[in-house]
N, C-alpha and C. Protein backbone atom coordinates (compact mmCIF):
# COMPACT_ATOMS: atom_id res chain seq x y z
N MET A 1 0.84 -1.18 0.00
CA MET A 1 0.00 0.00 0.00
C MET A 1 0.88 1.24 0.00
N LYS A 2 0.33 2.31 -0.59
CA LYS A 2 1.07 3.56 -0.62
C LYS A 2 0.19 4.68 -0.11
N LEU A 3 0.83 5.77 0.29
CA LEU A 3 0.10 6.92 0.82
C LEU A 3 -0.76 7.55 -0.26
N ILE A 4 -1.99 7.94 0.12
CA ILE A 4 -2.88 8.65 -0.79
C ILE A 4 -3.40 9.89 -0.08
N MET A 5 -4.07 10.77 -0.82
CA MET A 5 -4.61 11.99 -0.23
C MET A 5 -5.94 11.71 0.47
N LYS A 6 -6.29 12.57 1.42
CA LYS A 6 -7.53 12.43 2.17
C LYS A 6 -8.74 12.50 1.23
N THR A 7 -8.71 13.38 0.24
CA THR A 7 -9.84 13.50 -0.68
C THR A 7 -10.06 12.22 -1.47
N GLU A 8 -8.97 11.54 -1.85
CA GLU A 8 -9.10 10.27 -2.56
C GLU A 8 -9.68 9.20 -1.64
N PHE A 9 -9.23 9.18 -0.39
CA PHE A 9 -9.78 8.22 0.57
C PHE A 9 -11.27 8.47 0.78
N ASP A 10 -11.67 9.73 0.93
CA ASP A 10 -13.09 10.07 1.12
C ASP A 10 -13.91 9.68 -0.10
N ASN A 11 -13.35 9.85 -1.29
CA ASN A 11 -14.03 9.46 -2.52
C ASN A 11 -14.31 7.96 -2.51
N ILE A 12 -13.33 7.17 -2.13
CA ILE A 12 -13.51 5.71 -2.08
C ILE A 12 -14.51 5.34 -0.98
N ARG A 13 -14.40 5.99 0.17
CA ARG A 13 -15.27 5.68 1.33
C ARG A 13 -16.73 6.01 1.03
N ASN A 14 -17.00 7.06 0.28
CA ASN A 14 -18.37 7.50 0.01
C ASN A 14 -19.06 6.69 -1.08
N ASN A 15 -18.35 5.78 -1.73
CA ASN A 15 -18.96 4.95 -2.77
C ASN A 15 -19.82 3.87 -2.11
N ASP A 16 -21.09 3.80 -2.51
CA ASP A 16 -22.02 2.84 -1.91
C ASP A 16 -21.66 1.38 -2.20
N LYS A 17 -20.86 1.13 -3.22
CA LYS A 17 -20.48 -0.24 -3.57
C LYS A 17 -19.40 -0.79 -2.64
N HIS A 18 -18.78 0.08 -1.87
CA HIS A 18 -17.68 -0.34 -0.99
C HIS A 18 -18.17 -0.47 0.45
N SER A 19 -17.62 -1.44 1.16
CA SER A 19 -17.94 -1.62 2.57
C SER A 19 -16.71 -1.26 3.39
N TYR A 20 -16.93 -0.96 4.66
CA TYR A 20 -15.79 -0.61 5.49
C TYR A 20 -15.92 -1.23 6.87
N ASP A 21 -14.79 -1.32 7.54
CA ASP A 21 -14.70 -1.91 8.87
C ASP A 21 -13.77 -1.04 9.70
N SER A 22 -14.14 -0.76 10.94
CA SER A 22 -13.27 0.05 11.79
C SER A 22 -12.88 -0.74 13.03
N ASP A 23 -11.70 -0.45 13.52
CA ASP A 23 -11.16 -1.14 14.69
C ASP A 23 -10.34 -0.14 15.48
N SER A 24 -10.52 -0.12 16.78
CA SER A 24 -9.72 0.78 17.60
C SER A 24 -9.14 0.00 18.77
N ASN A 25 -7.92 0.36 19.11
CA ASN A 25 -7.21 -0.29 20.19
C ASN A 25 -6.35 0.77 20.88
N GLY A 26 -6.81 1.28 22.00
CA GLY A 26 -6.06 2.32 22.69
C GLY A 26 -6.01 3.59 21.89
N ASP A 27 -4.81 4.06 21.56
CA ASP A 27 -4.64 5.29 20.79
C ASP A 27 -4.72 5.06 19.29
N LYS A 28 -4.73 3.82 18.85
CA LYS A 28 -4.71 3.53 17.41
C LYS A 28 -6.10 3.18 16.91
N GLN A 29 -6.48 3.81 15.78
CA GLN A 29 -7.75 3.52 15.13
C GLN A 29 -7.47 3.24 13.66
N VAL A 30 -8.07 2.15 13.14
CA VAL A 30 -7.88 1.76 11.75
C VAL A 30 -9.24 1.60 11.09
N VAL A 31 -9.41 2.22 9.93
CA VAL A 31 -10.61 2.07 9.12
C VAL A 31 -10.18 1.44 7.80
N LYS A 32 -10.76 0.28 7.48
CA LYS A 32 -10.41 -0.43 6.25
C LYS A 32 -11.60 -0.42 5.31
N ILE A 33 -11.34 -0.18 4.02
CA ILE A 33 -12.38 -0.15 3.00
C ILE A 33 -12.18 -1.33 2.06
N TYR A 34 -13.27 -2.06 1.82
CA TYR A 34 -13.23 -3.25 0.98
C TYR A 34 -14.14 -3.09 -0.24
N CYS A 35 -13.73 -3.73 -1.32
CA CYS A 35 -14.57 -3.86 -2.51
C CYS A 35 -14.60 -5.35 -2.84
N ASP A 36 -15.74 -5.99 -2.63
CA ASP A 36 -15.87 -7.43 -2.86
C ASP A 36 -14.78 -8.22 -2.14
N GLU A 37 -14.65 -8.02 -0.82
CA GLU A 37 -13.71 -8.74 0.03
C GLU A 37 -12.25 -8.36 -0.21
N LEU A 38 -11.96 -7.45 -1.13
CA LEU A 38 -10.59 -7.02 -1.41
C LEU A 38 -10.32 -5.71 -0.69
N LEU A 39 -9.27 -5.68 0.13
CA LEU A 39 -8.90 -4.46 0.84
C LEU A 39 -8.32 -3.48 -0.16
N ILE A 40 -8.94 -2.29 -0.30
CA ILE A 40 -8.47 -1.32 -1.29
C ILE A 40 -7.90 -0.07 -0.65
N ALA A 41 -8.30 0.26 0.59
CA ALA A 41 -7.78 1.46 1.24
C ALA A 41 -7.93 1.34 2.75
N LYS A 42 -7.10 2.11 3.47
CA LYS A 42 -7.24 2.14 4.92
C LYS A 42 -6.75 3.48 5.46
N LYS A 43 -7.32 3.84 6.60
CA LYS A 43 -6.93 5.06 7.32
C LYS A 43 -6.40 4.62 8.67
N VAL A 44 -5.21 5.10 9.01
CA VAL A 44 -4.59 4.77 10.30
C VAL A 44 -4.46 6.06 11.09
N LYS A 45 -5.10 6.09 12.25
CA LYS A 45 -5.04 7.25 13.12
C LYS A 45 -4.32 6.82 14.40
N LEU A 46 -3.17 7.42 14.66
CA LEU A 46 -2.36 7.09 15.83
C LEU A 46 -2.07 8.39 16.56
N LYS A 47 -2.70 8.54 17.71
CA LYS A 47 -2.64 9.78 18.49
C LYS A 47 -3.10 10.94 17.61
N LYS A 48 -2.23 11.87 17.24
CA LYS A 48 -2.64 13.01 16.41
C LYS A 48 -2.26 12.85 14.95
N SER A 49 -1.67 11.72 14.59
CA SER A 49 -1.24 11.47 13.22
C SER A 49 -2.30 10.67 12.47
N ILE A 50 -2.66 11.14 11.28
CA ILE A 50 -3.62 10.42 10.43
C ILE A 50 -2.96 10.18 9.08
N ARG A 51 -2.97 8.92 8.64
CA ARG A 51 -2.40 8.58 7.34
C ARG A 51 -3.40 7.76 6.55
N TYR A 52 -3.40 7.98 5.25
CA TYR A 52 -4.32 7.30 4.34
C TYR A 52 -3.50 6.47 3.36
N PHE A 53 -3.93 5.22 3.18
CA PHE A 53 -3.21 4.30 2.30
C PHE A 53 -4.17 3.71 1.28
N GLY A 54 -3.65 3.42 0.09
CA GLY A 54 -4.42 2.77 -0.95
C GLY A 54 -3.58 1.71 -1.63
N ILE A 55 -4.24 0.73 -2.24
CA ILE A 55 -3.49 -0.29 -2.97
C ILE A 55 -2.89 0.36 -4.21
N ASN A 56 -2.01 -0.36 -4.89
CA ASN A 56 -1.28 0.21 -6.02
C ASN A 56 -2.19 0.73 -7.13
N ASN A 57 -3.31 0.08 -7.40
CA ASN A 57 -4.21 0.53 -8.46
C ASN A 57 -5.52 1.08 -7.88
N TYR A 58 -5.42 1.84 -6.80
CA TYR A 58 -6.62 2.37 -6.14
C TYR A 58 -7.40 3.33 -7.04
N GLN A 59 -6.76 3.93 -8.05
CA GLN A 59 -7.45 4.87 -8.94
C GLN A 59 -8.63 4.22 -9.65
N GLU A 60 -8.58 2.92 -9.83
CA GLU A 60 -9.69 2.22 -10.50
C GLU A 60 -10.97 2.26 -9.67
N TYR A 61 -10.85 2.49 -8.37
CA TYR A 61 -12.01 2.47 -7.47
C TYR A 61 -12.55 3.87 -7.18
N LEU A 62 -11.92 4.90 -7.71
CA LEU A 62 -12.40 6.27 -7.50
C LEU A 62 -13.63 6.51 -8.37
N THR A 63 -14.58 7.27 -7.84
CA THR A 63 -15.75 7.66 -8.63
C THR A 63 -15.45 8.99 -9.28
N PRO A 64 -15.88 9.19 -10.53
CA PRO A 64 -15.59 10.46 -11.22
C PRO A 64 -16.29 11.63 -10.53
N GLU A 65 -15.58 12.74 -10.44
CA GLU A 65 -16.12 13.96 -9.82
C GLU A 65 -16.88 14.74 -10.89
N ASP A 66 -18.03 15.27 -10.51
CA ASP A 66 -18.83 16.07 -11.48
C ASP A 66 -18.48 17.53 -11.38
């Protein structure tokens, strides 16, 4: 996985075809986004740091902006 922008992560998250799962453990929170059981993106929040990751071909899962 590689770093992606927050807007790209939000675009993937807002797609109704994708499902997501969240998990928190102490200071760490992880949100994973799936498309047909395939992990395509995740958000890792650790204390005050937030990072967004996407698979290598995550652009295929973005919805076009109007």
